[in-house]
Amino acid sequence: MNFLTYILVYPLIWLISILPFRVLYLVSDAVYILIYYIIGYRKKVVLDNLKLAFPNKTEKELLLIRKKFFKHFVDIFMEMIKSFTISAKEINRRYTFTNTALLDELYNSGKSAILVGAHYANWEWIMSLNSFVKYKGVAAYTKVNNPYFNRKILKTRERFGVILKQTPKILNLVKENQKKGILTMYGLLSDQSPHIAKTHYWSKFFGVKVPIHTGAEMLAKRYDLNLVFMKTRKIKRGFYETSFSVITTTPTKFPDYELTDIFLRKVEEQVYEQPEYYFWTHKRFKHKDKHPKS
């Protein structure tokens, strides 16, 4: 069944991926109308999330953000499909980096790094970063259930030199690379909700107390890694710009969870600037009432 699904669906994905961008976005506009006005996909989830994150905004303001979000959300889906065939020249024109020299400075210091970011703007095209830095690039990913699609996605994302590893395997890879002296940058998107059974820390995110991923801080402290935040802006439709800022080069000097809280504040700051580009369809606040009683 997995193979049948693959051979039926992938040709359509490939055909969409080779469309010129101007045509791709026409398709996106049509899909947006279907998703937003006819199907109504997760409109309530998005609005509920926005109400929690922006309690001081009016209903009219929240509905406008929701509408803009869904337009962007469908664009991102189309851009992910475009990733299957996009050329290096095209992705480098559309997804730029402002200060990769900072990452080279960290590399020259002789320490590996954790690159943390959020599901914001277009996080898929960060895969092109490996062409501009000295670090060996590794990104954590969640395995797709269909093995044929999983292999195709891995092949697509690794075309630009980045290596993808399932999140549970990152720890062993860091340990191995540290022993071998391989300077590596590990990309982690740490803003979404962890499994509640595996939660070590609860904190406020947009003012709501929720379980928090702490893996990036744990790795940085255990192996004395540089910790870097990536901030992406959407310049216009189909064009993005990412900049980097150092959270710390001395992670062991911070109390437990302080680095995680710094990361959360940076994500909030980014989202407040242009809230329509955050990944609001995810049920980020689903565990807000499950914090264990003290």
C-alpha atoms as a PDB file:
ATOM      1  CA  MET A   1       0.000   0.000   0.000  1.00  0.00           C
ATOM      2  CA  ASN A   2       2.848   2.390   0.809  1.00  0.00           C
ATOM      3  CA  PHE A   3       4.441   1.820  -2.587  1.00  0.00           C
ATOM      4  CA  LEU A   4       1.107   2.173  -4.387  1.00  0.00           C
ATOM      5  CA  THR A   5       0.471   5.464  -2.625  1.00  0.00           C
ATOM      6  CA  TYR A   6       3.931   6.646  -3.580  1.00  0.00           C
ATOM      7  CA  ILE A   7       3.690   5.813  -7.283  1.00  0.00           C
ATOM      8  CA  LEU A   8       0.244   7.415  -7.492  1.00  0.00           C
ATOM      9  CA  VAL A   9       1.024  10.599  -5.569  1.00  0.00           C
ATOM     10  CA  TYR A  10       4.666  11.391  -6.286  1.00  0.00           C
ATOM     11  CA  PRO A  11       4.205  12.043 -10.054  1.00  0.00           C
ATOM     12  CA  LEU A  12       1.669  14.746  -9.159  1.00  0.00           C
ATOM     13  CA  ILE A  13       4.055  16.231  -6.601  1.00  0.00           C
ATOM     14  CA  TRP A  14       6.854  16.242  -9.188  1.00  0.00           C
ATOM     15  CA  LEU A  15       4.645  17.924 -11.792  1.00  0.00           C
ATOM     16  CA  ILE A  16       3.721  20.652  -9.320  1.00  0.00           C
ATOM     17  CA  SER A  17       7.357  21.079  -8.313  1.00  0.00           C
ATOM     18  CA  ILE A  18       8.497  21.889 -11.858  1.00  0.00           C
ATOM     19  CA  LEU A  19       5.942  24.654 -12.313  1.00  0.00           C
ATOM     20  CA  PRO A  20       7.368  28.193 -12.618  1.00  0.00           C
ATOM     21  CA  PHE A  21       6.891  30.139  -9.394  1.00  0.00           C
ATOM     22  CA  ARG A  22       4.303  32.468 -10.893  1.00  0.00           C
ATOM     23  CA  VAL A  23       2.164  29.446 -11.828  1.00  0.00           C
ATOM     24  CA  LEU A  24       2.904  27.716  -8.525  1.00  0.00           C
ATOM     25  CA  TYR A  25       1.469  30.654  -6.623  1.00  0.00           C
ATOM     26  CA  LEU A  26      -1.637  30.690  -8.798  1.00  0.00           C
ATOM     27  CA  VAL A  27      -2.148  27.082  -7.726  1.00  0.00           C
ATOM     28  CA  SER A  28      -1.504  28.176  -4.141  1.00  0.00           C
ATOM     29  CA  ASP A  29      -4.209  30.855  -4.404  1.00  0.00           C
ATOM     30  CA  ALA A  30      -6.703  28.263  -5.608  1.00  0.00           C
ATOM     31  CA  VAL A  31      -5.783  25.798  -2.853  1.00  0.00           C
ATOM     32  CA  TYR A  32      -6.078  28.583  -0.271  1.00  0.00           C
ATOM     33  CA  ILE A  33      -9.679  29.234  -1.311  1.00  0.00           C
ATOM     34  CA  LEU A  34     -10.415  25.523  -1.004  1.00  0.00           C
ATOM     35  CA  ILE A  35      -8.691  25.129   2.373  1.00  0.00           C
ATOM     36  CA  TYR A  36      -9.916  28.333   3.973  1.00  0.00           C
ATOM     37  CA  TYR A  37     -13.384  28.945   2.612  1.00  0.00           C
ATOM     38  CA  ILE A  38     -14.648  25.469   1.717  1.00  0.00           C
ATOM     39  CA  ILE A  39     -12.876  22.895   3.905  1.00  0.00           C
ATOM     40  CA  GLY A  40     -12.131  25.254   6.787  1.00  0.00           C
ATOM     41  CA  TYR A  41      -9.032  23.268   7.756  1.00  0.00           C
ATOM     42  CA  ARG A  42      -8.124  23.916  11.430  1.00  0.00           C
ATOM     43  CA  LYS A  43      -9.545  27.430  11.372  1.00  0.00           C
ATOM     44  CA  LYS A  44     -10.772  27.018  14.943  1.00  0.00           C
ATOM     45  CA  VAL A  45      -7.389  25.683  16.116  1.00  0.00           C
ATOM     46  CA  VAL A  46      -5.618  28.682  14.601  1.00  0.00           C
ATOM     47  CA  LEU A  47      -8.048  31.173  16.099  1.00  0.00           C
ATOM     48  CA  ASP A  48      -7.868  29.547  19.532  1.00  0.00           C
ATOM     49  CA  ASN A  49      -4.051  29.694  19.404  1.00  0.00           C
ATOM     50  CA  LEU A  50      -4.125  33.336  18.386  1.00  0.00           C
ATOM     51  CA  LYS A  51      -6.530  34.217  21.193  1.00  0.00           C
ATOM     52  CA  LEU A  52      -4.150  32.677  23.730  1.00  0.00           C
ATOM     53  CA  ALA A  53      -1.045  34.290  22.247  1.00  0.00           C
ATOM     54  CA  PHE A  54      -2.573  37.735  21.703  1.00  0.00           C
ATOM     55  CA  PRO A  55      -5.221  38.285  24.407  1.00  0.00           C
ATOM     56  CA  ASN A  56      -5.159  42.052  23.872  1.00  0.00           C
ATOM     57  CA  LYS A  57      -6.008  41.938  20.175  1.00  0.00           C
ATOM     58  CA  THR A  58      -9.576  42.389  18.977  1.00  0.00           C
ATOM     59  CA  GLU A  59     -11.539  39.648  17.239  1.00  0.00           C
ATOM     60  CA  LYS A  60     -11.239  41.599  13.978  1.00  0.00           C
ATOM     61  CA  GLU A  61      -7.449  41.766  14.307  1.00  0.00           C
ATOM     62  CA  LEU A  62      -7.205  38.055  15.079  1.00  0.00           C
ATOM     63  CA  LEU A  63      -9.373  37.083  12.123  1.00  0.00           C
ATOM     64  CA  LEU A  64      -7.191  39.169   9.803  1.00  0.00           C
ATOM     65  CA  ILE A  65      -4.042  37.464  11.131  1.00  0.00           C
ATOM     66  CA  ARG A  66      -5.708  34.085  10.623  1.00  0.00           C
ATOM     67  CA  LYS A  67      -6.578  34.878   7.023  1.00  0.00           C
ATOM     68  CA  LYS A  68      -3.049  36.091   6.253  1.00  0.00           C
ATOM     69  CA  PHE A  69      -1.652  33.016   7.981  1.00  0.00           C
ATOM     70  CA  PHE A  70      -3.588  30.592   5.804  1.00  0.00           C
ATOM     71  CA  LYS A  71      -2.418  32.324   2.642  1.00  0.00           C
ATOM     72  CA  HIS A  72       1.150  31.942   3.854  1.00  0.00           C
ATOM     73  CA  PHE A  73       0.526  28.397   5.104  1.00  0.00           C
ATOM     74  CA  VAL A  74      -0.517  27.197   1.641  1.00  0.00           C
ATOM     75  CA  ASP A  75       2.442  29.023   0.076  1.00  0.00           C
ATOM     76  CA  ILE A  76       4.789  27.154   2.424  1.00  0.00           C
ATOM     77  CA  PHE A  77       3.216  23.853   1.432  1.00  0.00           C
ATOM     78  CA  MET A  78       3.784  24.680  -2.242  1.00  0.00           C
ATOM     79  CA  GLU A  79       7.348  25.799  -1.557  1.00  0.00           C
ATOM     80  CA  MET A  80       8.019  22.501   0.204  1.00  0.00           C
ATOM     81  CA  ILE A  81       6.867  20.712  -2.944  1.00  0.00           C
ATOM     82  CA  LYS A  82       9.040  23.026  -5.037  1.00  0.00           C
ATOM     83  CA  SER A  83      12.004  21.851  -2.962  1.00  0.00           C
ATOM     84  CA  PHE A  84      11.968  18.526  -4.810  1.00  0.00           C
ATOM     85  CA  THR A  85      13.320  20.118  -7.986  1.00  0.00           C
ATOM     86  CA  ILE A  86      14.467  23.644  -7.130  1.00  0.00           C
ATOM     87  CA  SER A  87      17.995  24.452  -8.302  1.00  0.00           C
ATOM     88  CA  ALA A  88      20.779  25.722  -6.054  1.00  0.00           C
ATOM     89  CA  LYS A  89      20.850  28.981  -8.017  1.00  0.00           C
ATOM     90  CA  GLU A  90      17.126  29.551  -7.521  1.00  0.00           C
ATOM     91  CA  ILE A  91      17.016  28.727  -3.816  1.00  0.00           C
ATOM     92  CA  ASN A  92      20.057  30.916  -3.160  1.00  0.00           C
ATOM     93  CA  ARG A  93      18.304  33.795  -4.904  1.00  0.00           C
ATOM     94  CA  ARG A  94      15.154  33.374  -2.840  1.00  0.00           C
ATOM     95  CA  TYR A  95      16.588  32.393   0.548  1.00  0.00           C
ATOM     96  CA  THR A  96      19.500  34.556   1.662  1.00  0.00           C
ATOM     97  CA  PHE A  97      21.659  34.828   4.783  1.00  0.00           C
ATOM     98  CA  THR A  98      22.834  38.157   6.172  1.00  0.00           C
ATOM     99  CA  ASN A  99      25.754  37.224   8.412  1.00  0.00           C
ATOM    100  CA  THR A 100      27.213  33.760   7.825  1.00  0.00           C
ATOM    101  CA  ALA A 101      30.588  35.272   8.786  1.00  0.00           C
ATOM    102  CA  LEU A 102      29.398  34.957  12.386  1.00  0.00           C
ATOM    103  CA  LEU A 103      29.104  31.199  11.958  1.00  0.00           C
ATOM    104  CA  ASP A 104      32.579  31.058  10.437  1.00  0.00           C
ATOM    105  CA  GLU A 105      33.949  32.872  13.490  1.00  0.00           C
ATOM    106  CA  LEU A 106      32.359  30.274  15.737  1.00  0.00           C
ATOM    107  CA  TYR A 107      33.786  27.505  13.569  1.00  0.00           C
ATOM    108  CA  ASN A 108      37.251  29.032  13.819  1.00  0.00           C
ATOM    109  CA  SER A 109      36.944  28.973  17.611  1.00  0.00           C
ATOM    110  CA  GLY A 110      37.078  25.188  17.363  1.00  0.00           C
ATOM    111  CA  LYS A 111      33.651  24.348  18.799  1.00  0.00           C
ATOM    112  CA  SER A 112      30.598  22.788  17.251  1.00  0.00           C
ATOM    113  CA  ALA A 113      27.253  24.550  17.504  1.00  0.00           C
ATOM    114  CA  ILE A 114      23.546  24.082  18.038  1.00  0.00           C
ATOM    115  CA  LEU A 115      21.408  26.192  15.701  1.00  0.00           C
ATOM    116  CA  VAL A 116      17.933  26.720  17.156  1.00  0.00           C
ATOM    117  CA  GLY A 117      14.937  28.224  15.441  1.00  0.00           C
ATOM    118  CA  ALA A 118      11.174  28.164  15.115  1.00  0.00           C
ATOM    119  CA  HIS A 119       8.604  26.939  12.639  1.00  0.00           C
ATOM    120  CA  TYR A 120       8.379  30.390  11.167  1.00  0.00           C
ATOM    121  CA  ALA A 121       8.298  31.839   7.631  1.00  0.00           C
ATOM    122  CA  ASN A 122       9.993  29.114   5.550  1.00  0.00           C
ATOM    123  CA  TRP A 123      12.056  26.721   7.671  1.00  0.00           C
ATOM    124  CA  GLU A 124      12.500  24.116   4.911  1.00  0.00           C
ATOM    125  CA  TRP A 125      14.831  26.188   2.731  1.00  0.00           C
ATOM    126  CA  ILE A 126      17.367  26.584   5.541  1.00  0.00           C
ATOM    127  CA  MET A 127      18.832  23.410   3.994  1.00  0.00           C
ATOM    128  CA  SER A 128      20.746  25.679   1.611  1.00  0.00           C
ATOM    129  CA  LEU A 129      22.848  27.057   4.488  1.00  0.00           C
ATOM    130  CA  ASN A 130      25.397  24.274   4.184  1.00  0.00           C
ATOM    131  CA  SER A 131      26.704  25.829   0.954  1.00  0.00           C
ATOM    132  CA  PHE A 132      27.762  29.000   2.806  1.00  0.00           C
ATOM    133  CA  VAL A 133      29.414  27.815   6.029  1.00  0.00           C
ATOM    134  CA  LYS A 134      32.440  25.795   7.103  1.00  0.00           C
ATOM    135  CA  TYR A 135      30.505  23.662   9.548  1.00  0.00           C
ATOM    136  CA  LYS A 136      29.239  20.243   8.582  1.00  0.00           C
ATOM    137  CA  GLY A 137      25.458  20.624   8.671  1.00  0.00           C
ATOM    138  CA  VAL A 138      23.102  18.194  10.423  1.00  0.00           C
ATOM    139  CA  ALA A 139      19.374  18.751  10.851  1.00  0.00           C
ATOM    140  CA  ALA A 140      16.942  16.861  13.064  1.00  0.00           C
ATOM    141  CA  TYR A 141      13.817  15.593  11.344  1.00  0.00           C
ATOM    142  CA  THR A 142      10.744  13.482  12.030  1.00  0.00           C
ATOM    143  CA  LYS A 143      10.522  10.305   9.990  1.00  0.00           C
ATOM    144  CA  VAL A 144       7.658  10.021   7.506  1.00  0.00           C
ATOM    145  CA  ASN A 145       5.659   6.805   7.943  1.00  0.00           C
ATOM    146  CA  ASN A 146       5.719   5.939   4.228  1.00  0.00           C
ATOM    147  CA  PRO A 147       9.290   4.630   3.654  1.00  0.00           C
ATOM    148  CA  TYR A 148       9.273   5.556  -0.055  1.00  0.00           C
ATOM    149  CA  PHE A 149       8.328   9.149   0.622  1.00  0.00           C
ATOM    150  CA  ASN A 150      10.747   9.207   3.545  1.00  0.00           C
ATOM    151  CA  ARG A 151      13.668   8.240   1.287  1.00  0.00           C
ATOM    152  CA  LYS A 152      12.638  10.764  -1.340  1.00  0.00           C
ATOM    153  CA  ILE A 153      12.360  13.567   1.223  1.00  0.00           C
ATOM    154  CA  LEU A 154      15.776  12.707   2.655  1.00  0.00           C
ATOM    155  CA  LYS A 155      17.326  12.714  -0.805  1.00  0.00           C
ATOM    156  CA  THR A 156      15.676  16.040  -1.621  1.00  0.00           C
ATOM    157  CA  ARG A 157      16.759  17.806   1.560  1.00  0.00           C
ATOM    158  CA  GLU A 158      20.302  16.428   1.421  1.00  0.00           C
ATOM    159  CA  ARG A 159      20.943  17.722  -2.119  1.00  0.00           C
ATOM    160  CA  PHE A 160      22.551  20.834  -0.652  1.00  0.00           C
ATOM    161  CA  GLY A 161      24.918  18.963   1.663  1.00  0.00           C
ATOM    162  CA  VAL A 162      23.004  18.890   4.932  1.00  0.00           C
ATOM    163  CA  ILE A 163      22.660  15.512   6.660  1.00  0.00           C
ATOM    164  CA  LEU A 164      19.310  14.619   8.205  1.00  0.00           C
ATOM    165  CA  LYS A 165      19.002  12.532  11.340  1.00  0.00           C
ATOM    166  CA  GLN A 166      15.953  11.482  13.285  1.00  0.00           C
ATOM    167  CA  THR A 167      15.746  13.499  16.469  1.00  0.00           C
ATOM    168  CA  PRO A 168      16.389  10.521  18.830  1.00  0.00           C
ATOM    169  CA  LYS A 169      19.634   9.774  16.949  1.00  0.00           C
ATOM    170  CA  ILE A 170      21.071  13.282  17.282  1.00  0.00           C
ATOM    171  CA  LEU A 171      22.525  12.637  20.766  1.00  0.00           C
ATOM    172  CA  ASN A 172      24.661   9.699  19.638  1.00  0.00           C
ATOM    173  CA  LEU A 173      25.803  11.611  16.566  1.00  0.00           C
ATOM    174  CA  VAL A 174      26.919  14.581  18.662  1.00  0.00           C
ATOM    175  CA  LYS A 175      28.829  12.253  20.964  1.00  0.00           C
ATOM    176  CA  GLU A 176      30.490  10.518  18.004  1.00  0.00           C
ATOM    177  CA  ASN A 177      31.437  13.750  16.233  1.00  0.00           C
ATOM    178  CA  GLN A 178      32.863  15.228  19.435  1.00  0.00           C
ATOM    179  CA  LYS A 179      35.159  12.212  19.819  1.00  0.00           C
ATOM    180  CA  LYS A 180      36.303  12.509  16.200  1.00  0.00           C
ATOM    181  CA  GLY A 181      36.737  16.272  16.358  1.00  0.00           C
ATOM    182  CA  ILE A 182      34.271  16.892  13.513  1.00  0.00           C
ATOM    183  CA  LEU A 183      33.021  20.463  13.816  1.00  0.00           C
ATOM    184  CA  THR A 184      29.299  20.294  13.177  1.00  0.00           C
ATOM    185  CA  MET A 185      26.287  22.579  13.327  1.00  0.00           C
ATOM    186  CA  TYR A 186      23.140  20.785  14.499  1.00  0.00           C
ATOM    187  CA  GLY A 187      19.843  22.374  13.476  1.00  0.00           C
ATOM    188  CA  LEU A 188      16.924  21.999  15.880  1.00  0.00           C
ATOM    189  CA  LEU A 189      13.456  23.542  15.689  1.00  0.00           C
ATOM    190  CA  SER A 190      12.518  23.584  19.355  1.00  0.00           C
ATOM    191  CA  ASP A 191       9.334  25.646  19.554  1.00  0.00           C
ATOM    192  CA  GLN A 192       6.670  22.956  19.200  1.00  0.00           C
ATOM    193  CA  SER A 193       5.047  20.821  21.889  1.00  0.00           C
ATOM    194  CA  PRO A 194       7.006  17.797  23.213  1.00  0.00           C
ATOM    195  CA  HIS A 195       5.470  14.530  24.375  1.00  0.00           C
ATOM    196  CA  ILE A 196       4.149  15.325  27.811  1.00  0.00           C
ATOM    197  CA  ALA A 197       5.531  12.075  29.260  1.00  0.00           C
ATOM    198  CA  LYS A 198       9.048  13.152  28.251  1.00  0.00           C
ATOM    199  CA  THR A 199       8.744  16.704  29.522  1.00  0.00           C
ATOM    200  CA  HIS A 200      11.375  17.935  31.990  1.00  0.00           C
ATOM    201  CA  TYR A 201      10.411  21.594  32.014  1.00  0.00           C
ATOM    202  CA  TRP A 202       7.310  23.766  31.876  1.00  0.00           C
ATOM    203  CA  SER A 203       7.478  27.467  31.108  1.00  0.00           C
ATOM    204  CA  LYS A 204       5.404  30.320  29.741  1.00  0.00           C
ATOM    205  CA  PHE A 205       5.218  30.647  25.966  1.00  0.00           C
ATOM    206  CA  PHE A 206       3.157  33.645  24.892  1.00  0.00           C
ATOM    207  CA  GLY A 207       2.070  33.862  28.511  1.00  0.00           C
ATOM    208  CA  VAL A 208       0.720  30.303  28.606  1.00  0.00           C
ATOM    209  CA  LYS A 209       2.405  27.647  30.755  1.00  0.00           C
ATOM    210  CA  VAL A 210       3.201  24.668  28.519  1.00  0.00           C
ATOM    211  CA  PRO A 211       5.732  21.806  28.281  1.00  0.00           C
ATOM    212  CA  ILE A 212       8.966  22.867  26.608  1.00  0.00           C
ATOM    213  CA  HIS A 213      11.649  21.113  24.543  1.00  0.00           C
ATOM    214  CA  THR A 214      14.985  21.345  26.365  1.00  0.00           C
ATOM    215  CA  GLY A 215      17.130  19.140  24.122  1.00  0.00           C
ATOM    216  CA  ALA A 216      19.111  22.005  22.593  1.00  0.00           C
ATOM    217  CA  GLU A 217      20.141  23.348  25.988  1.00  0.00           C
ATOM    218  CA  MET A 218      20.972  19.841  27.224  1.00  0.00           C
ATOM    219  CA  LEU A 219      23.251  19.143  24.261  1.00  0.00           C
ATOM    220  CA  ALA A 220      24.910  22.553  24.438  1.00  0.00           C
ATOM    221  CA  LYS A 221      25.737  22.092  28.123  1.00  0.00           C
ATOM    222  CA  ARG A 222      26.775  18.455  27.956  1.00  0.00           C
ATOM    223  CA  TYR A 223      29.223  18.990  25.082  1.00  0.00           C
ATOM    224  CA  ASP A 224      30.047  22.698  25.555  1.00  0.00           C
ATOM    225  CA  LEU A 225      28.598  23.752  22.205  1.00  0.00           C
ATOM    226  CA  ASN A 226      27.959  27.237  20.867  1.00  0.00           C
ATOM    227  CA  LEU A 227      24.254  28.050  20.932  1.00  0.00           C
ATOM    228  CA  VAL A 228      22.955  30.157  18.031  1.00  0.00           C
ATOM    229  CA  PHE A 229      19.501  31.482  17.180  1.00  0.00           C
ATOM    230  CA  MET A 230      18.305  31.850  13.594  1.00  0.00           C
ATOM    231  CA  LYS A 231      15.741  34.507  12.785  1.00  0.00           C
ATOM    232  CA  THR A 232      13.958  34.405   9.429  1.00  0.00           C
ATOM    233  CA  ARG A 233      11.996  37.232   7.817  1.00  0.00           C
ATOM    234  CA  LYS A 234       9.655  36.954   4.874  1.00  0.00           C
ATOM    235  CA  ILE A 235      10.707  39.740   2.517  1.00  0.00           C
ATOM    236  CA  LYS A 236       7.911  39.149   0.031  1.00  0.00           C
ATOM    237  CA  ARG A 237       6.116  36.183  -1.477  1.00  0.00           C
ATOM    238  CA  GLY A 238       8.688  33.453  -2.098  1.00  0.00           C
ATOM    239  CA  PHE A 239      11.659  35.404  -0.695  1.00  0.00           C
ATOM    240  CA  TYR A 240      13.208  35.047   2.753  1.00  0.00           C
ATOM    241  CA  GLU A 241      16.170  36.342   4.721  1.00  0.00           C
ATOM    242  CA  THR A 242      17.787  34.667   7.718  1.00  0.00           C
ATOM    243  CA  SER A 243      20.162  36.188  10.243  1.00  0.00           C
ATOM    244  CA  PHE A 244      22.040  34.611  13.130  1.00  0.00           C
ATOM    245  CA  SER A 245      22.701  35.728  16.701  1.00  0.00           C
ATOM    246  CA  VAL A 246      24.767  34.032  19.392  1.00  0.00           C
ATOM    247  CA  ILE A 247      22.820  33.060  22.492  1.00  0.00           C
ATOM    248  CA  THR A 248      26.002  31.912  24.225  1.00  0.00           C
ATOM    249  CA  THR A 249      29.439  30.410  23.652  1.00  0.00           C
ATOM    250  CA  THR A 250      29.651  29.316  27.314  1.00  0.00           C
ATOM    251  CA  PRO A 251      26.451  27.342  27.983  1.00  0.00           C
ATOM    252  CA  THR A 252      27.642  25.715  31.204  1.00  0.00           C
ATOM    253  CA  LYS A 253      27.693  29.103  32.953  1.00  0.00           C
ATOM    254  CA  PHE A 254      23.902  29.404  32.787  1.00  0.00           C
ATOM    255  CA  PRO A 255      21.448  27.989  35.334  1.00  0.00           C
ATOM    256  CA  ASP A 256      19.284  25.137  34.133  1.00  0.00           C
ATOM    257  CA  TYR A 257      16.582  26.183  31.647  1.00  0.00           C
ATOM    258  CA  GLU A 258      17.691  29.808  31.395  1.00  0.00           C
ATOM    259  CA  LEU A 259      19.003  29.241  27.867  1.00  0.00           C
ATOM    260  CA  THR A 260      15.717  27.602  26.934  1.00  0.00           C
ATOM    261  CA  ASP A 261      13.832  30.642  28.235  1.00  0.00           C
ATOM    262  CA  ILE A 262      16.092  32.985  26.254  1.00  0.00           C
ATOM    263  CA  PHE A 263      15.267  30.989  23.141  1.00  0.00           C
ATOM    264  CA  LEU A 264      11.525  31.211  23.842  1.00  0.00           C
ATOM    265  CA  ARG A 265      11.709  34.997  24.259  1.00  0.00           C
ATOM    266  CA  LYS A 266      13.511  35.282  20.912  1.00  0.00           C
ATOM    267  CA  VAL A 267      10.809  33.211  19.215  1.00  0.00           C
ATOM    268  CA  GLU A 268       8.095  35.380  20.752  1.00  0.00           C
ATOM    269  CA  GLU A 269       9.864  38.542  19.624  1.00  0.00           C
ATOM    270  CA  GLN A 270      10.076  37.177  16.084  1.00  0.00           C
ATOM    271  CA  VAL A 271       6.420  36.177  16.007  1.00  0.00           C
ATOM    272  CA  TYR A 272       5.187  39.480  17.437  1.00  0.00           C
ATOM    273  CA  GLU A 273       6.756  41.297  14.482  1.00  0.00           C
ATOM    274  CA  GLN A 274       4.762  39.378  11.854  1.00  0.00           C
ATOM    275  CA  PRO A 275       2.442  36.873  13.567  1.00  0.00           C
ATOM    276  CA  GLU A 276       0.885  35.612  10.319  1.00  0.00           C
ATOM    277  CA  TYR A 277       4.070  33.702   9.446  1.00  0.00           C
ATOM    278  CA  TYR A 278       4.131  31.406  12.489  1.00  0.00           C
ATOM    279  CA  PHE A 279       2.940  27.784  12.317  1.00  0.00           C
ATOM    280  CA  TRP A 280      -0.396  28.290  14.065  1.00  0.00           C
ATOM    281  CA  THR A 281      -2.078  25.065  12.883  1.00  0.00           C
ATOM    282  CA  HIS A 282      -0.032  23.112  15.420  1.00  0.00           C
ATOM    283  CA  LYS A 283      -1.801  22.566  18.756  1.00  0.00           C
ATOM    284  CA  ARG A 284       1.010  24.215  20.701  1.00  0.00           C
ATOM    285  CA  PHE A 285      -1.087  24.911  23.799  1.00  0.00           C
ATOM    286  CA  LYS A 286      -2.910  21.572  24.022  1.00  0.00           C
ATOM    287  CA  HIS A 287      -1.255  20.675  27.353  1.00  0.00           C
ATOM    288  CA  LYS A 288      -1.750  24.073  29.002  1.00  0.00           C
ATOM    289  CA  ASP A 289      -4.031  22.690  31.725  1.00  0.00           C
ATOM    290  CA  LYS A 290      -2.007  19.570  32.462  1.00  0.00           C
ATOM    291  CA  HIS A 291       0.870  21.038  34.458  1.00  0.00           C
ATOM    292  CA  PRO A 292       1.524  18.765  37.467  1.00  0.00           C
ATOM    293  CA  LYS A 293       0.393  20.253  40.756  1.00  0.00           C
ATOM    294  CA  SER A 294       3.157  21.314  43.086  1.00  0.00           C
END
